[in-house]
Amino acid sequence: MRDKKFMDITTIQLSKEMRDKISSFGMKGESYDDILRRIYSFAVKEQLRNFLMSGEGFIPIEDAITEAEKKWPK
């Protein structure tokens, strides 16, 4: 947990329903800030995983080798 005296604190508004959903991810003694930091960290890792596993914009290695051999023949 970060030292709160060095952090800027702000207030956000959300419904009680959303507050309860967020708190369901928490562990005893964890603040909403801690919970949201953990959720954010997971989301960033998931986005990176999805990006790395996506085939969009990529070509198979065999095609890359063929293109490289055409461009730089031995």
N, C-alpha and C. Protein backbone atom coordinates (compact mmCIF):
# COMPACT_ATOMS: atom_id res chain seq x y z
N MET A 1 0.84 -1.18 0.00
CA MET A 1 0.00 0.00 0.00
C MET A 1 0.89 1.24 0.00
N ARG A 2 0.48 2.24 -0.75
CA ARG A 2 1.26 3.47 -0.84
C ARG A 2 0.98 4.35 0.37
N ASP A 3 1.95 5.18 0.70
CA ASP A 3 1.81 6.11 1.82
C ASP A 3 0.86 7.22 1.41
N LYS A 4 -0.31 7.29 2.03
CA LYS A 4 -1.36 8.21 1.63
C LYS A 4 -0.98 9.68 1.83
N LYS A 5 -0.07 9.98 2.74
CA LYS A 5 0.26 11.39 2.97
C LYS A 5 1.00 12.00 1.78
N PHE A 6 1.52 11.18 0.88
CA PHE A 6 2.22 11.68 -0.29
C PHE A 6 1.37 11.61 -1.55
N MET A 7 0.15 11.12 -1.44
CA MET A 7 -0.72 10.99 -2.61
C MET A 7 -1.76 12.09 -2.62
N ASP A 8 -2.08 12.55 -3.82
CA ASP A 8 -3.23 13.44 -3.95
C ASP A 8 -4.47 12.58 -3.85
N ILE A 9 -5.43 13.00 -3.09
CA ILE A 9 -6.67 12.25 -2.90
C ILE A 9 -7.78 12.98 -3.62
N THR A 10 -8.64 12.23 -4.28
CA THR A 10 -9.78 12.80 -4.97
C THR A 10 -11.02 11.98 -4.63
N THR A 11 -12.16 12.50 -4.97
CA THR A 11 -13.42 11.82 -4.72
C THR A 11 -14.08 11.54 -6.06
N ILE A 12 -14.54 10.31 -6.23
CA ILE A 12 -15.29 9.97 -7.44
C ILE A 12 -16.68 9.51 -7.01
N GLN A 13 -17.64 9.76 -7.86
CA GLN A 13 -19.00 9.34 -7.56
C GLN A 13 -19.32 8.08 -8.34
N LEU A 14 -19.89 7.11 -7.64
CA LEU A 14 -20.39 5.92 -8.30
C LEU A 14 -21.56 5.38 -7.51
N SER A 15 -22.34 4.57 -8.19
CA SER A 15 -23.53 4.04 -7.55
C SER A 15 -23.14 3.07 -6.44
N LYS A 16 -24.06 2.86 -5.51
CA LYS A 16 -23.81 1.88 -4.45
C LYS A 16 -23.62 0.50 -5.04
N GLU A 17 -24.35 0.22 -6.12
CA GLU A 17 -24.21 -1.07 -6.78
C GLU A 17 -22.77 -1.26 -7.27
N MET A 18 -22.20 -0.25 -7.92
CA MET A 18 -20.83 -0.37 -8.42
C MET A 18 -19.84 -0.41 -7.27
N ARG A 19 -20.07 0.37 -6.23
CA ARG A 19 -19.20 0.34 -5.04
C ARG A 19 -19.16 -1.07 -4.47
N ASP A 20 -20.33 -1.71 -4.38
CA ASP A 20 -20.40 -3.07 -3.84
C ASP A 20 -19.69 -4.07 -4.75
N LYS A 21 -19.83 -3.88 -6.05
CA LYS A 21 -19.14 -4.77 -7.00
C LYS A 21 -17.62 -4.64 -6.84
N ILE A 22 -17.15 -3.40 -6.74
CA ILE A 22 -15.70 -3.17 -6.57
C ILE A 22 -15.22 -3.78 -5.25
N SER A 23 -15.99 -3.58 -4.19
CA SER A 23 -15.57 -4.09 -2.88
C SER A 23 -15.54 -5.61 -2.86
N SER A 24 -16.31 -6.25 -3.73
CA SER A 24 -16.31 -7.72 -3.76
C SER A 24 -14.97 -8.28 -4.24
N PHE A 25 -14.14 -7.44 -4.87
CA PHE A 25 -12.81 -7.86 -5.30
C PHE A 25 -11.77 -7.65 -4.20
N GLY A 26 -12.16 -7.00 -3.12
CA GLY A 26 -11.20 -6.65 -2.08
C GLY A 26 -10.97 -7.75 -1.07
N MET A 27 -9.87 -7.58 -0.36
CA MET A 27 -9.52 -8.47 0.74
C MET A 27 -9.58 -7.65 2.03
N LYS A 28 -9.66 -8.31 3.12
CA LYS A 28 -9.79 -7.63 4.42
C LYS A 28 -8.68 -6.58 4.58
N GLY A 29 -9.09 -5.37 4.94
CA GLY A 29 -8.14 -4.29 5.18
C GLY A 29 -7.70 -3.52 3.94
N GLU A 30 -8.18 -3.94 2.78
CA GLU A 30 -7.79 -3.28 1.54
C GLU A 30 -8.67 -2.07 1.28
N SER A 31 -8.06 -0.99 0.84
CA SER A 31 -8.83 0.22 0.51
C SER A 31 -9.34 0.10 -0.92
N TYR A 32 -10.30 0.97 -1.27
CA TYR A 32 -10.77 0.99 -2.65
C TYR A 32 -9.63 1.34 -3.59
N ASP A 33 -8.73 2.19 -3.17
CA ASP A 33 -7.57 2.54 -3.98
C ASP A 33 -6.74 1.30 -4.28
N ASP A 34 -6.50 0.48 -3.25
CA ASP A 34 -5.74 -0.77 -3.44
C ASP A 34 -6.44 -1.70 -4.42
N ILE A 35 -7.76 -1.85 -4.24
CA ILE A 35 -8.54 -2.75 -5.10
C ILE A 35 -8.48 -2.27 -6.55
N LEU A 36 -8.71 -0.98 -6.75
CA LEU A 36 -8.72 -0.44 -8.11
C LEU A 36 -7.34 -0.51 -8.76
N ARG A 37 -6.29 -0.32 -7.97
CA ARG A 37 -4.93 -0.46 -8.51
C ARG A 37 -4.68 -1.89 -9.01
N ARG A 38 -5.14 -2.86 -8.23
CA ARG A 38 -4.96 -4.26 -8.61
C ARG A 38 -5.77 -4.58 -9.87
N ILE A 39 -7.01 -4.10 -9.92
CA ILE A 39 -7.85 -4.33 -11.10
C ILE A 39 -7.23 -3.66 -12.33
N TYR A 40 -6.73 -2.44 -12.17
CA TYR A 40 -6.09 -1.73 -13.27
C TYR A 40 -4.86 -2.49 -13.78
N SER A 41 -4.04 -2.96 -12.85
CA SER A 41 -2.83 -3.70 -13.23
C SER A 41 -3.20 -4.95 -14.02
N PHE A 42 -4.24 -5.65 -13.57
CA PHE A 42 -4.69 -6.84 -14.28
C PHE A 42 -5.18 -6.47 -15.68
N ALA A 43 -5.95 -5.38 -15.80
CA ALA A 43 -6.49 -4.96 -17.09
C ALA A 43 -5.37 -4.61 -18.08
N VAL A 44 -4.34 -3.93 -17.60
CA VAL A 44 -3.21 -3.58 -18.47
C VAL A 44 -2.51 -4.85 -18.97
N LYS A 45 -2.29 -5.80 -18.08
CA LYS A 45 -1.66 -7.07 -18.48
C LYS A 45 -2.52 -7.83 -19.47
N GLU A 46 -3.83 -7.80 -19.26
CA GLU A 46 -4.76 -8.49 -20.17
C GLU A 46 -4.76 -7.83 -21.55
N GLN A 47 -4.72 -6.51 -21.60
CA GLN A 47 -4.64 -5.81 -22.88
C GLN A 47 -3.35 -6.16 -23.62
N LEU A 48 -2.25 -6.20 -22.90
CA LEU A 48 -0.97 -6.56 -23.51
C LEU A 48 -1.00 -7.99 -24.03
N ARG A 49 -1.56 -8.90 -23.23
CA ARG A 49 -1.67 -10.30 -23.66
C ARG A 49 -2.51 -10.40 -24.93
N ASN A 50 -3.64 -9.71 -24.97
CA ASN A 50 -4.50 -9.73 -26.15
C ASN A 50 -3.79 -9.17 -27.37
N PHE A 51 -3.02 -8.11 -27.17
CA PHE A 51 -2.27 -7.52 -28.28
C PHE A 51 -1.22 -8.50 -28.80
N LEU A 52 -0.48 -9.11 -27.89
CA LEU A 52 0.59 -10.02 -28.30
C LEU A 52 0.06 -11.30 -28.93
N MET A 53 -1.11 -11.73 -28.51
CA MET A 53 -1.68 -12.98 -29.04
C MET A 53 -2.50 -12.76 -30.31
N SER A 54 -2.76 -11.51 -30.64
CA SER A 54 -3.56 -11.19 -31.82
C SER A 54 -2.74 -11.46 -33.07
N GLY A 55 -3.37 -12.03 -34.07
CA GLY A 55 -2.71 -12.27 -35.34
C GLY A 55 -2.85 -11.10 -36.30
N GLU A 56 -3.57 -10.08 -35.88
CA GLU A 56 -3.82 -8.93 -36.74
C GLU A 56 -2.54 -8.17 -37.05
N GLY A 57 -2.31 -7.96 -38.34
CA GLY A 57 -1.15 -7.18 -38.75
C GLY A 57 0.15 -7.98 -38.82
N PHE A 58 0.08 -9.29 -38.64
CA PHE A 58 1.27 -10.11 -38.67
C PHE A 58 1.18 -11.12 -39.81
N ILE A 59 2.34 -11.60 -40.24
CA ILE A 59 2.37 -12.63 -41.27
C ILE A 59 3.06 -13.87 -40.70
N PRO A 60 2.74 -15.03 -41.25
CA PRO A 60 3.39 -16.26 -40.76
C PRO A 60 4.91 -16.19 -40.97
N ILE A 61 5.64 -16.86 -40.10
CA ILE A 61 7.11 -16.83 -40.16
C ILE A 61 7.64 -17.32 -41.51
N GLU A 62 6.96 -18.30 -42.08
CA GLU A 62 7.40 -18.83 -43.39
C GLU A 62 7.35 -17.73 -44.45
N ASP A 63 6.27 -16.93 -44.43
CA ASP A 63 6.14 -15.83 -45.39
C ASP A 63 7.20 -14.76 -45.14
N ALA A 64 7.50 -14.50 -43.90
CA ALA A 64 8.53 -13.51 -43.56
C ALA A 64 9.89 -13.97 -44.06
N ILE A 65 10.20 -15.25 -43.91
CA ILE A 65 11.48 -15.80 -44.37
C ILE A 65 11.57 -15.69 -45.89
N THR A 66 10.48 -16.04 -46.58
CA THR A 66 10.45 -15.95 -48.05
C THR A 66 10.69 -14.52 -48.50
N GLU A 67 10.02 -13.56 -47.86
CA GLU A 67 10.21 -12.15 -48.21
C GLU A 67 11.65 -11.70 -47.94
N ALA A 68 12.20 -12.13 -46.83
CA ALA A 68 13.58 -11.76 -46.50
C ALA A 68 14.56 -12.36 -47.50
N GLU A 69 14.33 -13.60 -47.93
CA GLU A 69 15.24 -14.23 -48.89
C GLU A 69 15.18 -13.52 -50.25
N LYS A 70 13.99 -13.04 -50.62
CA LYS A 70 13.86 -12.28 -51.87
C LYS A 70 14.60 -10.95 -51.76
N LYS A 71 14.47 -10.32 -50.62
CA LYS A 71 15.07 -9.00 -50.42
C LYS A 71 16.58 -9.07 -50.26
N TRP A 72 17.05 -10.08 -49.58
CA TRP A 72 18.48 -10.24 -49.30
C TRP A 72 18.94 -11.64 -49.70
N PRO A 73 19.08 -11.89 -51.00
CA PRO A 73 19.50 -13.23 -51.43
C PRO A 73 20.93 -13.53 -50.97
N LYS A 74 21.21 -14.80 -50.81
CA LYS A 74 22.54 -15.22 -50.35
C LYS A 74 23.56 -15.12 -51.44
